[in-house]
Amino acid sequence: MRVVSGICKGRPLKAVPGNTTRPTTDKVKEALFNMIGPYFDGGVGLDLFAGSGGLGLEALSRGLDKVIFVDRERNAIQTIHENIQNCKMEDKAEVYRNDADRALKALIKREIHFDYIFLDPPYKKQQLVSLVEKISEHRIVTNGGFIICEHSHDVELPERSGGFSQYKHEKYGIIAITIYSRFSEE
């Protein structure tokens, strides 16, 4: 695993020890960022099931100003901190050990708005539709922002969810990427 592009291009990333996380492959990461970027002039991101932090670090490397990393596993949090230090991005990152629902509640209370939310939950515990609806309900994505969902290729997500509609959907072997953007409800 490595940072694919941007100011940290080529930096190796540690994987979370054990088999509880599934890192995003470089091929999928490159394709994903080509769909939403590939580079950014600032912005704020949320890596909600961060694992090793690979998606959030890629986003920082490509120009986001700040990323909040959340994972509930102790090993993942330790790995995220190590990868952030390796990429020298400590000043652009916040890391929290929490589950997705509690983390969203805390972020909603802080009134933080995100330009990009990365959702890559464990495939067996698919909760993407309810997460997109909760994110939509509390309007924590900026106008023009995206929710990026990584999921199993055999999971079909709805065209519309909450105040969002599918912007792009691509399959890469056993992995699929579905990107939502806000649609006008008028």
Protein backbone atom coordinates (compact mmCIF):
# COMPACT_ATOMS: atom_id res chain seq x y z
CA MET A 1 0.00 0.00 0.00
CA ARG A 2 1.16 3.48 -0.82
CA VAL A 3 0.01 7.01 -1.53
CA VAL A 4 -0.71 7.00 -5.26
CA SER A 5 -0.41 10.70 -6.17
CA GLY A 6 0.09 14.23 -4.88
CA ILE A 7 2.64 15.64 -2.46
CA CYS A 8 3.10 12.30 -0.66
CA LYS A 9 3.23 10.24 -3.87
CA GLY A 10 4.97 6.91 -3.36
CA ARG A 11 5.02 7.03 0.45
CA PRO A 12 4.40 3.54 1.82
CA LEU A 13 1.42 3.04 4.11
CA LYS A 14 1.23 0.43 6.83
CA ALA A 15 -1.70 -1.96 6.80
CA VAL A 16 -3.73 -2.62 9.92
CA PRO A 17 -2.43 -5.84 11.52
CA GLY A 18 -4.75 -8.84 11.29
CA ASN A 19 -7.58 -9.45 8.85
CA THR A 20 -10.31 -7.17 10.21
CA THR A 21 -9.71 -4.46 7.60
CA ARG A 22 -9.50 -4.57 3.82
CA PRO A 23 -7.29 -1.85 2.31
CA THR A 24 -8.41 -0.13 -0.88
CA THR A 25 -6.17 -1.23 -3.75
CA ASP A 26 -4.06 1.35 -5.56
CA LYS A 27 -6.02 0.71 -8.77
CA VAL A 28 -9.37 1.41 -7.10
CA LYS A 29 -7.96 4.40 -5.21
CA GLU A 30 -6.64 5.94 -8.45
CA ALA A 31 -9.98 5.37 -10.21
CA LEU A 32 -11.95 6.79 -7.28
CA PHE A 33 -9.92 9.99 -7.13
CA ASN A 34 -10.06 10.41 -10.92
CA MET A 35 -13.87 10.44 -10.57
CA ILE A 36 -13.95 13.19 -7.91
CA GLY A 37 -10.74 15.15 -8.49
CA PRO A 38 -8.17 14.03 -9.20
CA TYR A 39 -6.68 16.96 -7.23
CA PHE A 40 -8.26 19.48 -4.88
CA ASP A 41 -7.90 23.15 -4.06
CA GLY A 42 -8.58 22.73 -0.35
CA GLY A 43 -11.62 21.31 1.36
CA VAL A 44 -12.45 19.08 4.31
CA GLY A 45 -12.86 15.30 4.25
CA LEU A 46 -14.20 12.60 6.54
CA ASP A 47 -12.79 9.07 6.36
CA LEU A 48 -15.48 7.34 8.45
CA PHE A 49 -14.28 3.72 8.36
CA ALA A 50 -10.66 4.75 8.03
CA GLY A 51 -8.85 1.42 8.53
CA SER A 52 -5.24 2.35 7.74
CA GLY A 53 -6.25 5.90 6.73
CA GLY A 54 -5.34 5.31 3.08
CA LEU A 55 -8.29 7.15 1.51
CA GLY A 56 -8.02 10.18 3.79
CA LEU A 57 -4.24 10.41 3.34
CA GLU A 58 -4.64 10.15 -0.43
CA ALA A 59 -7.14 13.04 -0.26
CA LEU A 60 -4.71 15.14 1.83
CA SER A 61 -1.86 14.34 -0.55
CA ARG A 62 -4.05 15.51 -3.43
CA GLY A 63 -4.88 18.86 -1.81
CA LEU A 64 -7.55 18.68 0.88
CA ASP A 65 -6.87 21.02 3.82
CA LYS A 66 -8.05 18.67 6.56
CA VAL A 67 -9.35 15.15 7.05
CA ILE A 68 -11.04 13.63 10.09
CA PHE A 69 -10.29 9.91 10.45
CA VAL A 70 -12.65 7.64 12.40
CA ASP A 71 -12.40 3.95 13.15
CA ARG A 72 -13.57 1.85 16.06
CA GLU A 73 -10.64 -0.60 16.13
CA ARG A 74 -7.66 0.15 18.39
CA ASN A 75 -5.17 -1.36 15.88
CA ALA A 76 -6.61 0.79 13.10
CA ILE A 77 -6.26 3.99 15.15
CA GLN A 78 -2.63 3.17 15.92
CA THR A 79 -1.94 2.46 12.24
CA ILE A 80 -3.66 5.69 11.15
CA HIS A 81 -1.45 7.71 13.53
CA GLU A 82 1.70 6.00 12.17
CA ASN A 83 0.67 6.62 8.55
CA ILE A 84 -0.18 10.27 9.25
CA GLN A 85 3.25 10.75 10.86
CA ASN A 86 4.97 8.99 7.95
CA CYS A 87 3.24 11.40 5.55
CA LYS A 88 3.97 14.39 7.84
CA MET A 89 0.29 15.38 7.87
CA GLU A 90 -0.25 15.70 11.65
CA ASP A 91 -1.36 19.34 11.32
CA LYS A 92 -4.07 18.41 8.78
CA ALA A 93 -5.58 15.40 10.54
CA GLU A 94 -7.87 14.59 13.46
CA VAL A 95 -8.19 10.95 14.53
CA TYR A 96 -10.99 9.49 16.66
CA ARG A 97 -11.71 6.00 17.92
CA ASN A 98 -15.46 5.64 17.67
CA ASP A 99 -18.19 3.80 15.79
CA ALA A 100 -19.76 5.48 12.77
CA ASP A 101 -23.07 6.49 14.38
CA ARG A 102 -21.49 8.06 17.46
CA ALA A 103 -18.87 9.80 15.36
CA LEU A 104 -21.53 11.31 13.10
CA LYS A 105 -23.50 12.54 16.13
CA ALA A 106 -20.37 14.22 17.52
CA LEU A 107 -19.52 15.82 14.16
CA ILE A 108 -23.09 17.06 13.74
CA LYS A 109 -22.89 18.70 17.20
CA ARG A 110 -19.61 20.37 16.17
CA GLU A 111 -21.42 21.68 13.05
CA ILE A 112 -18.61 20.55 10.77
CA HIS A 113 -19.39 20.40 7.06
CA PHE A 114 -17.49 18.17 4.65
CA ASP A 115 -16.69 18.41 0.98
CA TYR A 116 -15.93 14.67 0.76
CA ILE A 117 -17.11 11.82 2.95
CA PHE A 118 -15.48 8.44 2.37
CA LEU A 119 -17.54 5.42 3.46
CA ASP A 120 -15.81 2.05 3.27
CA PRO A 121 -17.54 -0.04 5.95
CA PRO A 122 -16.98 -3.76 6.43
CA TYR A 123 -18.78 -5.45 3.53
CA LYS A 124 -20.57 -7.93 5.79
CA LYS A 125 -22.09 -5.14 7.91
CA GLN A 126 -23.40 -3.01 5.06
CA GLN A 127 -25.01 0.16 6.37
CA LEU A 128 -24.36 2.55 3.51
CA VAL A 129 -27.98 3.51 2.78
CA SER A 130 -28.74 4.45 6.40
CA LEU A 131 -25.45 6.37 6.65
CA VAL A 132 -26.14 8.35 3.47
CA GLU A 133 -29.65 9.14 4.74
CA LYS A 134 -28.31 10.30 8.13
CA ILE A 135 -25.64 12.44 6.44
CA SER A 136 -28.32 13.94 4.18
CA GLU A 137 -30.76 14.58 7.03
CA HIS A 138 -28.18 16.58 8.98
CA ARG A 139 -26.80 18.38 5.90
CA ILE A 140 -23.13 17.91 6.79
CA VAL A 141 -22.01 17.74 3.14
CA THR A 142 -21.33 21.08 1.46
CA ASN A 143 -23.12 22.07 -1.74
CA GLY A 144 -21.14 20.42 -4.50
CA GLY A 145 -19.75 17.86 -2.05
CA PHE A 146 -19.66 14.09 -2.48
CA ILE A 147 -20.25 10.91 -0.51
CA ILE A 148 -17.96 8.18 -1.81
CA CYS A 149 -19.06 4.61 -1.01
CA GLU A 150 -16.83 1.57 -1.49
CA HIS A 151 -18.74 -1.69 -1.37
CA SER A 152 -18.99 -5.22 -2.67
CA HIS A 153 -19.77 -5.45 -6.41
CA ASP A 154 -22.97 -7.39 -5.69
CA VAL A 155 -24.50 -4.65 -3.50
CA GLU A 156 -26.88 -2.42 -5.43
CA LEU A 157 -27.28 1.02 -3.86
CA PRO A 158 -30.34 3.14 -4.73
CA GLU A 159 -30.21 5.85 -7.41
CA ARG A 160 -31.38 8.34 -4.79
CA SER A 161 -30.87 8.30 -1.04
CA GLY A 162 -31.84 11.14 1.25
CA GLY A 163 -31.04 14.36 -0.59
CA PHE A 164 -28.42 12.68 -2.77
CA SER A 165 -28.41 11.01 -6.16
CA GLN A 166 -25.83 8.77 -7.77
CA TYR A 167 -23.17 10.80 -9.55
CA LYS A 168 -21.06 7.82 -10.67
CA HIS A 169 -21.02 4.06 -10.21
CA GLU A 170 -18.19 1.78 -11.34
CA LYS A 171 -17.18 -1.83 -10.69
CA TYR A 172 -13.62 -3.08 -10.34
CA GLY A 173 -13.69 -6.85 -9.99
CA ILE A 174 -15.28 -7.66 -6.62
CA ILE A 175 -15.27 -3.99 -5.56
CA ALA A 176 -17.69 -1.24 -6.56
CA ILE A 177 -17.57 2.51 -6.06
CA THR A 178 -20.79 4.53 -5.83
CA ILE A 179 -20.48 8.30 -5.57
CA TYR A 180 -23.42 10.44 -4.45
CA SER A 181 -23.88 14.18 -4.88
CA ARG A 182 -26.63 16.39 -3.51
CA PHE A 183 -29.60 16.94 -5.84
CA SER A 184 -32.03 19.82 -5.82
CA GLU A 185 -35.31 18.83 -4.16
CA GLU A 186 -37.36 21.58 -5.83
